[in-house]
Amino acid sequence: MIRAFVALPLPDEVEDRLEALQKTLPAGRPVARDTFHLTLAFVGEHPPEAIEALHEELSLIHAEAPEIALAGLGTFGKGSPKLLFATVAENAPLMHLHQEVKAAMRRAGLRPSGEKYRPHVTLARFRRRLDPAEEQRLAGYLSAASGFAPPPFRPACFTLCQSTLRQGQSPHHEVLAAYPLGASRANALPS
């Protein structure tokens, strides 16, 4: 079985800025820099044949490279945060690419998640409920980082990645294939 997801990679300059934000994090466990990405769709665990079928369908996508703008931070989790992330401003080309990936999953016989798509880049995870002092420090951190906005970028490709979970460590992500976007299609990457 292969645990997979489809994502947009981030440029080094953006990863540098995200890593700098992590260094001042008042609580939580930062994710490893080599796992930074913007998920387009979580695929789940499937046999290699299903992932190969998805690869063939993703290869057929012709989409423009969306301009990605990170703006501020947020958290997921009711009551107490479970995840800290950099917010990604929604835009029509990004949403179109997300829909194209979901359509490719359906054509490959895979079922996309029914959850509302909230584009983001995960920065940290919270393994336990924060105490009131930690919550207050986190609220101050989020407020101070509200102006976080590195320069926008246009990814040259999107990727199909394998995620291997490791006990007590960040997952290991491996790019299985890359698919060029927009003008980059003329310079297709081998898969």
N, C-alpha and C. Protein backbone atom coordinates (compact mmCIF):
# COMPACT_ATOMS: atom_id res chain seq x y z
N MET A 1 0.84 -1.19 0.00
CA MET A 1 0.00 0.00 0.00
C MET A 1 0.88 1.24 0.00
N ILE A 2 0.43 2.25 -0.73
CA ILE A 2 1.15 3.53 -0.80
C ILE A 2 0.23 4.62 -0.27
N ARG A 3 0.72 5.37 0.71
CA ARG A 3 -0.01 6.52 1.26
C ARG A 3 0.44 7.73 0.45
N ALA A 4 -0.49 8.37 -0.25
CA ALA A 4 -0.09 9.41 -1.21
C ALA A 4 -0.91 10.68 -1.07
N PHE A 5 -0.34 11.76 -1.63
CA PHE A 5 -1.04 13.03 -1.74
C PHE A 5 -0.51 13.76 -2.97
N VAL A 6 -1.27 14.74 -3.43
CA VAL A 6 -0.88 15.57 -4.57
C VAL A 6 -0.68 16.98 -4.02
N ALA A 7 0.45 17.62 -4.42
CA ALA A 7 0.79 18.90 -3.79
C ALA A 7 1.52 19.84 -4.73
N LEU A 8 1.62 21.07 -4.30
CA LEU A 8 2.47 22.07 -4.96
C LEU A 8 3.71 22.24 -4.08
N PRO A 9 4.89 22.15 -4.68
CA PRO A 9 6.12 22.39 -3.90
C PRO A 9 6.29 23.89 -3.65
N LEU A 10 7.09 24.23 -2.66
CA LEU A 10 7.35 25.62 -2.32
C LEU A 10 8.78 25.99 -2.70
N PRO A 11 9.01 27.23 -3.13
CA PRO A 11 10.39 27.65 -3.42
C PRO A 11 11.20 27.79 -2.14
N ASP A 12 12.52 27.68 -2.26
CA ASP A 12 13.42 27.77 -1.11
C ASP A 12 13.21 29.04 -0.31
N GLU A 13 12.99 30.18 -0.99
CA GLU A 13 12.84 31.46 -0.28
C GLU A 13 11.63 31.43 0.64
N VAL A 14 10.54 30.81 0.20
CA VAL A 14 9.34 30.71 1.03
C VAL A 14 9.60 29.75 2.19
N GLU A 15 10.26 28.63 1.90
CA GLU A 15 10.61 27.69 2.97
C GLU A 15 11.50 28.35 4.02
N ASP A 16 12.43 29.21 3.58
CA ASP A 16 13.28 29.94 4.53
C ASP A 16 12.43 30.79 5.47
N ARG A 17 11.45 31.48 4.92
CA ARG A 17 10.58 32.35 5.73
C ARG A 17 9.73 31.53 6.70
N LEU A 18 9.23 30.38 6.22
CA LEU A 18 8.41 29.53 7.08
C LEU A 18 9.25 28.95 8.21
N GLU A 19 10.46 28.54 7.90
CA GLU A 19 11.35 27.98 8.91
C GLU A 19 11.70 29.04 9.97
N ALA A 20 11.89 30.28 9.54
CA ALA A 20 12.17 31.36 10.49
C ALA A 20 10.98 31.56 11.44
N LEU A 21 9.76 31.45 10.92
CA LEU A 21 8.57 31.56 11.77
C LEU A 21 8.54 30.44 12.80
N GLN A 22 8.92 29.25 12.39
CA GLN A 22 8.90 28.11 13.31
C GLN A 22 9.83 28.31 14.50
N LYS A 23 10.92 29.03 14.30
CA LYS A 23 11.91 29.20 15.37
C LYS A 23 11.37 30.01 16.54
N THR A 24 10.32 30.78 16.33
CA THR A 24 9.75 31.59 17.40
C THR A 24 8.44 31.00 17.92
N LEU A 25 8.10 29.81 17.50
CA LEU A 25 6.86 29.15 17.90
C LEU A 25 6.82 28.93 19.41
N PRO A 26 5.77 29.42 20.12
CA PRO A 26 5.73 29.30 21.57
C PRO A 26 5.25 27.94 22.08
N ALA A 27 4.66 27.13 21.22
CA ALA A 27 4.14 25.82 21.63
C ALA A 27 4.01 24.96 20.38
N GLY A 28 3.88 23.67 20.59
CA GLY A 28 3.68 22.76 19.46
C GLY A 28 4.98 22.17 18.95
N ARG A 29 4.84 21.26 18.03
CA ARG A 29 5.98 20.57 17.44
C ARG A 29 6.10 20.96 15.98
N PRO A 30 7.15 21.71 15.61
CA PRO A 30 7.30 22.12 14.21
C PRO A 30 7.45 20.91 13.29
N VAL A 31 6.87 20.99 12.11
CA VAL A 31 7.08 19.94 11.11
C VAL A 31 8.44 20.18 10.46
N ALA A 32 9.02 19.13 9.93
CA ALA A 32 10.33 19.23 9.27
C ALA A 32 10.21 20.05 7.99
N ARG A 33 11.23 20.85 7.72
CA ARG A 33 11.25 21.69 6.52
C ARG A 33 11.03 20.87 5.25
N ASP A 34 11.57 19.66 5.19
CA ASP A 34 11.44 18.88 3.96
C ASP A 34 10.03 18.31 3.77
N THR A 35 9.11 18.63 4.70
CA THR A 35 7.72 18.23 4.51
C THR A 35 6.82 19.42 4.16
N PHE A 36 7.39 20.62 4.04
CA PHE A 36 6.58 21.78 3.63
C PHE A 36 6.01 21.53 2.22
N HIS A 37 4.73 21.77 2.06
CA HIS A 37 4.08 21.69 0.75
C HIS A 37 2.68 22.27 0.88
N LEU A 38 2.04 22.51 -0.25
CA LEU A 38 0.65 22.95 -0.28
C LEU A 38 -0.14 21.79 -0.89
N THR A 39 -0.93 21.11 -0.07
CA THR A 39 -1.68 19.96 -0.54
C THR A 39 -2.78 20.38 -1.50
N LEU A 40 -2.86 19.69 -2.63
CA LEU A 40 -3.99 19.86 -3.56
C LEU A 40 -5.07 18.83 -3.26
N ALA A 41 -4.65 17.62 -2.88
CA ALA A 41 -5.60 16.56 -2.51
C ALA A 41 -4.86 15.47 -1.77
N PHE A 42 -5.47 14.97 -0.68
CA PHE A 42 -4.94 13.80 -0.01
C PHE A 42 -5.53 12.59 -0.71
N VAL A 43 -4.69 11.68 -1.13
CA VAL A 43 -5.14 10.51 -1.89
C VAL A 43 -5.50 9.36 -0.96
N GLY A 44 -4.72 9.16 0.11
CA GLY A 44 -4.95 8.06 1.03
C GLY A 44 -4.06 6.88 0.70
N GLU A 45 -4.35 5.73 1.32
CA GLU A 45 -3.55 4.51 1.10
C GLU A 45 -4.22 3.63 0.06
N HIS A 46 -3.44 3.28 -0.96
CA HIS A 46 -3.95 2.46 -2.06
C HIS A 46 -2.86 1.55 -2.58
N PRO A 47 -3.23 0.47 -3.28
CA PRO A 47 -2.22 -0.39 -3.88
C PRO A 47 -1.46 0.34 -4.98
N PRO A 48 -0.25 -0.11 -5.30
CA PRO A 48 0.55 0.55 -6.34
C PRO A 48 -0.17 0.71 -7.67
N GLU A 49 -1.01 -0.26 -8.05
CA GLU A 49 -1.73 -0.17 -9.33
C GLU A 49 -2.67 1.04 -9.35
N ALA A 50 -3.30 1.33 -8.22
CA ALA A 50 -4.22 2.48 -8.15
C ALA A 50 -3.44 3.79 -8.24
N ILE A 51 -2.26 3.82 -7.61
CA ILE A 51 -1.42 5.02 -7.67
C ILE A 51 -0.90 5.21 -9.10
N GLU A 52 -0.58 4.13 -9.78
CA GLU A 52 -0.15 4.22 -11.18
C GLU A 52 -1.29 4.74 -12.07
N ALA A 53 -2.51 4.28 -11.82
CA ALA A 53 -3.66 4.77 -12.58
C ALA A 53 -3.85 6.27 -12.33
N LEU A 54 -3.67 6.70 -11.08
CA LEU A 54 -3.77 8.13 -10.76
C LEU A 54 -2.67 8.90 -11.48
N HIS A 55 -1.46 8.38 -11.48
CA HIS A 55 -0.34 9.03 -12.18
C HIS A 55 -0.71 9.27 -13.65
N GLU A 56 -1.27 8.26 -14.29
CA GLU A 56 -1.65 8.40 -15.71
C GLU A 56 -2.68 9.51 -15.89
N GLU A 57 -3.65 9.59 -14.98
CA GLU A 57 -4.67 10.64 -15.07
C GLU A 57 -4.10 12.02 -14.77
N LEU A 58 -3.23 12.12 -13.79
CA LEU A 58 -2.61 13.41 -13.47
C LEU A 58 -1.76 13.91 -14.62
N SER A 59 -1.16 13.00 -15.36
CA SER A 59 -0.32 13.37 -16.52
C SER A 59 -1.12 14.08 -17.60
N LEU A 60 -2.43 13.92 -17.59
CA LEU A 60 -3.30 14.52 -18.62
C LEU A 60 -3.76 15.93 -18.26
N ILE A 61 -3.47 16.37 -17.06
CA ILE A 61 -3.94 17.70 -16.62
C ILE A 61 -3.13 18.79 -17.32
N HIS A 62 -3.86 19.72 -17.91
CA HIS A 62 -3.26 20.92 -18.50
C HIS A 62 -3.86 22.10 -17.74
N ALA A 63 -3.06 22.72 -16.90
CA ALA A 63 -3.56 23.82 -16.07
C ALA A 63 -2.52 24.92 -16.00
N GLU A 64 -3.02 26.12 -15.78
CA GLU A 64 -2.12 27.27 -15.60
C GLU A 64 -1.50 27.19 -14.21
N ALA A 65 -0.31 27.73 -14.08
CA ALA A 65 0.35 27.78 -12.77
C ALA A 65 -0.32 28.86 -11.93
N PRO A 66 -0.94 28.48 -10.81
CA PRO A 66 -1.59 29.49 -9.98
C PRO A 66 -0.55 30.34 -9.25
N GLU A 67 -0.88 31.61 -9.04
CA GLU A 67 -0.02 32.44 -8.21
C GLU A 67 -0.39 32.16 -6.75
N ILE A 68 0.60 31.73 -5.98
CA ILE A 68 0.35 31.36 -4.59
C ILE A 68 0.82 32.50 -3.69
N ALA A 69 -0.10 32.96 -2.87
CA ALA A 69 0.21 34.03 -1.91
C ALA A 69 -0.10 33.53 -0.50
N LEU A 70 0.94 33.45 0.33
CA LEU A 70 0.74 33.11 1.73
C LEU A 70 0.46 34.41 2.48
N ALA A 71 -0.50 34.36 3.40
CA ALA A 71 -0.88 35.59 4.10
C ALA A 71 -1.39 35.25 5.48
N GLY A 72 -0.52 35.39 6.49
CA GLY A 72 -0.93 35.17 7.87
C GLY A 72 -0.90 33.70 8.27
N LEU A 73 -1.25 33.47 9.53
CA LEU A 73 -1.25 32.12 10.10
C LEU A 73 -2.63 31.80 10.65
N GLY A 74 -2.89 30.52 10.82
CA GLY A 74 -4.14 30.08 11.41
C GLY A 74 -3.97 28.73 12.07
N THR A 75 -5.04 28.26 12.71
CA THR A 75 -5.01 26.94 13.36
C THR A 75 -6.26 26.17 12.99
N PHE A 76 -6.13 24.85 13.01
CA PHE A 76 -7.26 23.93 12.89
C PHE A 76 -7.43 23.26 14.24
N GLY A 77 -8.66 22.96 14.59
CA GLY A 77 -8.93 22.24 15.83
C GLY A 77 -10.00 22.97 16.63
N LYS A 78 -10.99 22.22 17.06
CA LYS A 78 -12.05 22.81 17.87
C LYS A 78 -11.64 22.78 19.33
N GLY A 79 -11.87 23.86 20.02
CA GLY A 79 -11.52 23.93 21.43
C GLY A 79 -10.05 24.26 21.62
N SER A 80 -9.20 23.35 21.24
CA SER A 80 -7.77 23.55 21.36
C SER A 80 -7.14 23.26 20.00
N PRO A 81 -6.14 24.03 19.57
CA PRO A 81 -5.58 23.82 18.24
C PRO A 81 -4.87 22.47 18.11
N LYS A 82 -4.99 21.88 16.93
CA LYS A 82 -4.30 20.63 16.61
C LYS A 82 -3.18 20.87 15.60
N LEU A 83 -3.32 21.98 14.83
CA LEU A 83 -2.42 22.23 13.71
C LEU A 83 -2.25 23.73 13.52
N LEU A 84 -1.01 24.18 13.30
CA LEU A 84 -0.72 25.57 12.96
C LEU A 84 -0.30 25.61 11.51
N PHE A 85 -0.83 26.57 10.75
CA PHE A 85 -0.53 26.62 9.33
C PHE A 85 -0.39 28.05 8.83
N ALA A 86 0.29 28.17 7.69
CA ALA A 86 0.33 29.43 6.95
C ALA A 86 -0.87 29.41 6.01
N THR A 87 -1.63 30.47 6.04
CA THR A 87 -2.82 30.58 5.21
C THR A 87 -2.43 30.86 3.76
N VAL A 88 -3.14 30.22 2.84
CA VAL A 88 -2.93 30.44 1.41
C VAL A 88 -4.18 31.13 0.88
N ALA A 89 -3.99 32.28 0.25
CA ALA A 89 -5.13 33.00 -0.32
C ALA A 89 -5.70 32.19 -1.48
N GLU A 90 -7.00 31.95 -1.41
CA GLU A 90 -7.64 31.22 -2.50
C GLU A 90 -7.63 32.08 -3.76
N ASN A 91 -7.52 31.42 -4.89
CA ASN A 91 -7.63 32.12 -6.17
C ASN A 91 -8.18 31.13 -7.19
N ALA A 92 -8.76 31.66 -8.25
CA ALA A 92 -9.44 30.81 -9.23
C ALA A 92 -8.52 29.75 -9.85
N PRO A 93 -7.29 30.08 -10.29
CA PRO A 93 -6.45 29.02 -10.86
C PRO A 93 -6.10 27.91 -9.86
N LEU A 94 -5.90 28.27 -8.59
CA LEU A 94 -5.61 27.26 -7.58
C LEU A 94 -6.83 26.35 -7.38
N MET A 95 -8.00 26.94 -7.28
CA MET A 95 -9.21 26.14 -7.11
C MET A 95 -9.47 25.26 -8.34
N HIS A 96 -9.18 25.79 -9.52
CA HIS A 96 -9.34 25.00 -10.75
C HIS A 96 -8.41 23.79 -10.73
N LEU A 97 -7.15 24.00 -10.34
CA LEU A 97 -6.20 22.90 -10.29
C LEU A 97 -6.65 21.86 -9.26
N HIS A 98 -7.12 22.31 -8.12
CA HIS A 98 -7.65 21.39 -7.10
C HIS A 98 -8.78 20.54 -7.69
N GLN A 99 -9.69 21.18 -8.41
CA GLN A 99 -10.82 20.45 -9.02
C GLN A 99 -10.33 19.47 -10.08
N GLU A 100 -9.32 19.86 -10.85
CA GLU A 100 -8.75 18.97 -11.87
C GLU A 100 -8.13 17.73 -11.22
N VAL A 101 -7.45 17.92 -10.11
CA VAL A 101 -6.84 16.79 -9.40
C VAL A 101 -7.93 15.87 -8.86
N LYS A 102 -8.98 16.43 -8.28
CA LYS A 102 -10.09 15.60 -7.79
C LYS A 102 -10.73 14.82 -8.94
N ALA A 103 -10.90 15.44 -10.10
CA ALA A 103 -11.47 14.75 -11.26
C ALA A 103 -10.56 13.61 -11.71
N ALA A 104 -9.25 13.84 -11.69
CA ALA A 104 -8.29 12.79 -12.06
C ALA A 104 -8.39 11.62 -11.08
N MET A 105 -8.57 11.91 -9.80
CA MET A 105 -8.73 10.84 -8.81
C MET A 105 -9.97 10.01 -9.13
N ARG A 106 -11.08 10.68 -9.43
CA ARG A 106 -12.31 9.94 -9.75
C ARG A 106 -12.12 9.07 -10.99
N ARG A 107 -11.47 9.62 -12.03
CA ARG A 107 -11.24 8.83 -13.25
C ARG A 107 -10.35 7.62 -12.97
N ALA A 108 -9.46 7.73 -11.98
CA ALA A 108 -8.58 6.62 -11.62
C ALA A 108 -9.27 5.64 -10.66
N GLY A 109 -10.53 5.91 -10.33
CA GLY A 109 -11.27 5.02 -9.45
C GLY A 109 -11.04 5.28 -7.97
N LEU A 110 -10.50 6.44 -7.64
CA LEU A 110 -10.24 6.81 -6.25
C LEU A 110 -11.28 7.83 -5.80
N ARG A 111 -11.57 7.82 -4.54
CA ARG A 111 -12.60 8.72 -4.00
C ARG A 111 -11.96 9.90 -3.29
N PRO A 112 -12.13 11.12 -3.84
CA PRO A 112 -11.58 12.30 -3.16
C PRO A 112 -12.35 12.60 -1.88
N SER A 113 -11.68 13.28 -0.97
CA SER A 113 -12.30 13.70 0.27
C SER A 113 -13.46 14.65 -0.03
N GLY A 114 -14.49 14.55 0.78
CA GLY A 114 -15.64 15.46 0.62
C GLY A 114 -15.48 16.73 1.43
N GLU A 115 -14.36 16.86 2.17
CA GLU A 115 -14.15 18.04 3.00
C GLU A 115 -13.91 19.28 2.14
N LYS A 116 -14.32 20.43 2.68
CA LYS A 116 -14.07 21.70 1.99
C LYS A 116 -12.56 21.91 1.88
N TYR A 117 -12.12 22.32 0.70
CA TYR A 117 -10.70 22.54 0.46
C TYR A 117 -10.28 23.86 1.10
N ARG A 118 -9.32 23.78 2.02
CA ARG A 118 -8.76 24.97 2.67
C ARG A 118 -7.26 24.96 2.44
N PRO A 119 -6.80 25.62 1.38
CA PRO A 119 -5.36 25.58 1.08
C PRO A 119 -4.54 26.18 2.21
N HIS A 120 -3.46 25.47 2.58
CA HIS A 120 -2.61 25.90 3.68
C HIS A 120 -1.28 25.15 3.62
N VAL A 121 -0.31 25.64 4.39
CA VAL A 121 0.98 24.97 4.54
C VAL A 121 1.16 24.71 6.03
N THR A 122 1.23 23.44 6.41
CA THR A 122 1.36 23.06 7.82
C THR A 122 2.74 23.46 8.35
N LEU A 123 2.74 24.10 9.53
CA LEU A 123 3.98 24.52 10.19
C LEU A 123 4.27 23.74 11.47
N ALA A 124 3.20 23.38 12.21
CA ALA A 124 3.40 22.69 13.48
C ALA A 124 2.15 21.90 13.85
N ARG A 125 2.36 20.91 14.70
CA ARG A 125 1.25 20.10 15.23
C ARG A 125 1.26 20.21 16.76
N PHE A 126 0.08 20.10 17.34
CA PHE A 126 -0.07 20.13 18.79
C PHE A 126 -0.58 18.77 19.22
N ARG A 127 0.21 18.06 20.00
CA ARG A 127 -0.13 16.69 20.39
C ARG A 127 -1.06 16.63 21.60
N ARG A 128 -1.13 17.70 22.35
CA ARG A 128 -1.97 17.70 23.55
C ARG A 128 -2.69 19.04 23.64
N ARG A 129 -3.68 19.08 24.52
CA ARG A 129 -4.41 20.33 24.75
C ARG A 129 -3.46 21.34 25.38
N LEU A 130 -3.48 22.57 24.87
CA LEU A 130 -2.61 23.61 25.42
C LEU A 130 -3.18 24.12 26.75
N ASP A 131 -2.28 24.44 27.68
CA ASP A 131 -2.76 25.04 28.93
C ASP A 131 -3.06 26.52 28.66
N PRO A 132 -3.75 27.20 29.57
CA PRO A 132 -4.14 28.60 29.33
C PRO A 132 -2.96 29.52 29.01
N ALA A 133 -1.82 29.34 29.67
CA ALA A 133 -0.65 30.20 29.40
C ALA A 133 -0.13 29.96 27.98
N GLU A 134 -0.09 28.69 27.54
CA GLU A 134 0.35 28.38 26.18
C GLU A 134 -0.62 28.94 25.15
N GLU A 135 -1.92 28.83 25.44
CA GLU A 135 -2.93 29.38 24.52
C GLU A 135 -2.75 30.89 24.38
N GLN A 136 -2.45 31.56 25.49
CA GLN A 136 -2.26 33.00 25.45
C GLN A 136 -1.01 33.36 24.64
N ARG A 137 0.08 32.61 24.84
CA ARG A 137 1.30 32.86 24.07
C ARG A 137 1.07 32.59 22.58
N LEU A 138 0.32 31.53 22.28
CA LEU A 138 0.03 31.22 20.88
C LEU A 138 -0.83 32.32 20.25
N ALA A 139 -1.80 32.82 20.99
CA ALA A 139 -2.64 33.91 20.47
C ALA A 139 -1.79 35.14 20.17
N GLY A 140 -0.83 35.45 21.05
CA GLY A 140 0.07 36.58 20.80
C GLY A 140 0.95 36.34 19.59
N TYR A 141 1.42 35.12 19.44
CA TYR A 141 2.25 34.74 18.30
C TYR A 141 1.46 34.90 16.99
N LEU A 142 0.21 34.42 16.98
CA LEU A 142 -0.63 34.53 15.78
C LEU A 142 -0.89 35.99 15.44
N SER A 143 -1.12 36.79 16.46
CA SER A 143 -1.36 38.22 16.24
C SER A 143 -0.11 38.89 15.67
N ALA A 144 1.05 38.58 16.25
CA ALA A 144 2.30 39.18 15.78
C ALA A 144 2.63 38.75 14.35
N ALA A 145 2.22 37.54 13.96
CA ALA A 145 2.52 37.01 12.62
C ALA A 145 1.41 37.29 11.62
N SER A 146 0.42 38.09 12.01
CA SER A 146 -0.72 38.34 11.11
C SER A 146 -0.28 39.02 9.80
N GLY A 147 0.83 39.72 9.83
CA GLY A 147 1.33 40.39 8.63
C GLY A 147 2.25 39.53 7.79
N PHE A 148 2.42 38.26 8.17
CA PHE A 148 3.30 37.36 7.41
C PHE A 148 2.79 37.25 5.98
N ALA A 149 3.63 37.64 5.04
CA ALA A 149 3.24 37.59 3.62
C ALA A 149 4.48 37.61 2.75
N PRO A 150 5.13 36.44 2.56
CA PRO A 150 6.28 36.41 1.66
C PRO A 150 5.82 36.73 0.23
N PRO A 151 6.74 37.06 -0.66
CA PRO A 151 6.34 37.36 -2.04
C PRO A 151 5.61 36.18 -2.68
N PRO A 152 4.56 36.45 -3.44
CA PRO A 152 3.84 35.38 -4.13
C PRO A 152 4.77 34.64 -5.11
N PHE A 153 4.40 33.42 -5.44
CA PHE A 153 5.19 32.63 -6.39
C PHE A 153 4.27 31.81 -7.27
N ARG A 154 4.80 31.37 -8.40
CA ARG A 154 4.08 30.48 -9.31
C ARG A 154 4.86 29.18 -9.43
N PRO A 155 4.32 28.07 -8.92
CA PRO A 155 5.04 26.81 -9.03
C PRO A 155 5.11 26.35 -10.49
N ALA A 156 6.22 25.75 -10.85
CA ALA A 156 6.41 25.25 -12.22
C ALA A 156 5.72 23.91 -12.42
N CYS A 157 5.40 23.23 -11.29
CA CYS A 157 4.80 21.91 -11.41
C CYS A 157 3.97 21.60 -10.17
N PHE A 158 3.21 20.51 -10.26
CA PHE A 158 2.62 19.91 -9.07
C PHE A 158 3.13 18.48 -9.00
N THR A 159 3.02 17.86 -7.82
CA THR A 159 3.67 16.57 -7.62
C THR A 159 2.73 15.53 -7.01
N LEU A 160 3.02 14.29 -7.31
CA LEU A 160 2.41 13.14 -6.64
C LEU A 160 3.46 12.65 -5.66
N CYS A 161 3.11 12.59 -4.37
CA CYS A 161 4.08 12.25 -3.34
C CYS A 161 3.61 11.06 -2.51
N GLN A 162 4.58 10.30 -2.03
CA GLN A 162 4.33 9.23 -1.08
C GLN A 162 4.70 9.75 0.30
N SER A 163 3.86 9.45 1.28
CA SER A 163 4.11 9.84 2.65
C SER A 163 4.26 8.58 3.49
N THR A 164 5.43 8.43 4.10
CA THR A 164 5.69 7.28 4.95
C THR A 164 5.71 7.76 6.40
N LEU A 165 4.79 7.23 7.20
CA LEU A 165 4.72 7.61 8.60
C LEU A 165 5.81 6.90 9.38
N ARG A 166 6.41 7.63 10.35
CA ARG A 166 7.49 7.07 11.16
C ARG A 166 7.19 7.35 12.63
N GLN A 167 7.28 6.33 13.45
CA GLN A 167 6.98 6.44 14.89
C GLN A 167 7.80 7.54 15.55
N GLY A 168 7.13 8.53 16.14
CA GLY A 168 7.80 9.57 16.89
C GLY A 168 8.58 10.58 16.07
N GLN A 169 8.45 10.55 14.75
CA GLN A 169 9.17 11.47 13.87
C GLN A 169 8.21 12.06 12.86
N SER A 170 8.68 13.08 12.15
CA SER A 170 7.89 13.63 11.04
C SER A 170 7.81 12.57 9.94
N PRO A 171 6.72 12.58 9.16
CA PRO A 171 6.65 11.63 8.06
C PRO A 171 7.74 11.93 7.02
N HIS A 172 8.09 10.92 6.27
CA HIS A 172 9.05 11.09 5.16
C HIS A 172 8.23 11.23 3.88
N HIS A 173 8.50 12.29 3.13
CA HIS A 173 7.80 12.52 1.86
C HIS A 173 8.76 12.29 0.70
N GLU A 174 8.27 11.56 -0.30
CA GLU A 174 9.06 11.29 -1.49
C GLU A 174 8.24 11.64 -2.72
N VAL A 175 8.82 12.44 -3.62
CA VAL A 175 8.13 12.79 -4.86
C VAL A 175 8.18 11.58 -5.79
N LEU A 176 7.01 11.10 -6.20
CA LEU A 176 6.92 9.97 -7.13
C LEU A 176 6.91 10.43 -8.57
N ALA A 177 6.28 11.60 -8.81
CA ALA A 177 6.20 12.16 -10.17
C ALA A 177 5.91 13.64 -10.08
N ALA A 178 6.37 14.39 -11.09
CA ALA A 178 6.09 15.84 -11.17
C ALA A 178 5.41 16.11 -12.50
N TYR A 179 4.44 17.03 -12.47
CA TYR A 179 3.63 17.36 -13.64
C TYR A 179 3.74 18.86 -13.90
N PRO A 180 4.27 19.26 -15.05
CA PRO A 180 4.46 20.68 -15.31
C PRO A 180 3.15 21.45 -15.42
N LEU A 181 3.22 22.71 -15.07
CA LEU A 181 2.07 23.62 -15.14
C LEU A 181 2.33 24.71 -16.16
N GLY A 182 1.28 25.20 -16.79
CA GLY A 182 1.36 26.35 -17.69
C GLY A 182 2.44 26.21 -18.75
N ALA A 183 3.24 27.25 -18.89
CA ALA A 183 4.29 27.28 -19.90
C ALA A 183 5.35 26.21 -19.67
N SER A 184 5.41 25.68 -18.44
CA SER A 184 6.41 24.66 -18.12
C SER A 184 6.11 23.32 -18.78
N ARG A 185 4.91 23.14 -19.33
CA ARG A 185 4.57 21.86 -19.95
C ARG A 185 5.53 21.49 -21.06
N ALA A 186 6.10 22.50 -21.73
CA ALA A 186 7.05 22.22 -22.81
C ALA A 186 8.30 21.57 -22.28
N ASN A 187 8.59 21.76 -20.99
CA ASN A 187 9.77 21.18 -20.35
C ASN A 187 9.37 20.08 -19.38
N ALA A 188 8.55 19.15 -19.85
CA ALA A 188 8.00 18.11 -18.99
C ALA A 188 9.09 17.36 -18.24
N LEU A 189 8.83 17.12 -16.96
CA LEU A 189 9.76 16.38 -16.12
C LEU A 189 9.51 14.89 -16.31
N PRO A 190 10.55 14.09 -16.28
CA PRO A 190 10.32 12.66 -16.37
C PRO A 190 9.61 12.16 -15.12
N SER A 191 8.81 11.13 -15.27
CA SER A 191 8.10 10.60 -14.09
C SER A 191 8.59 9.22 -13.76
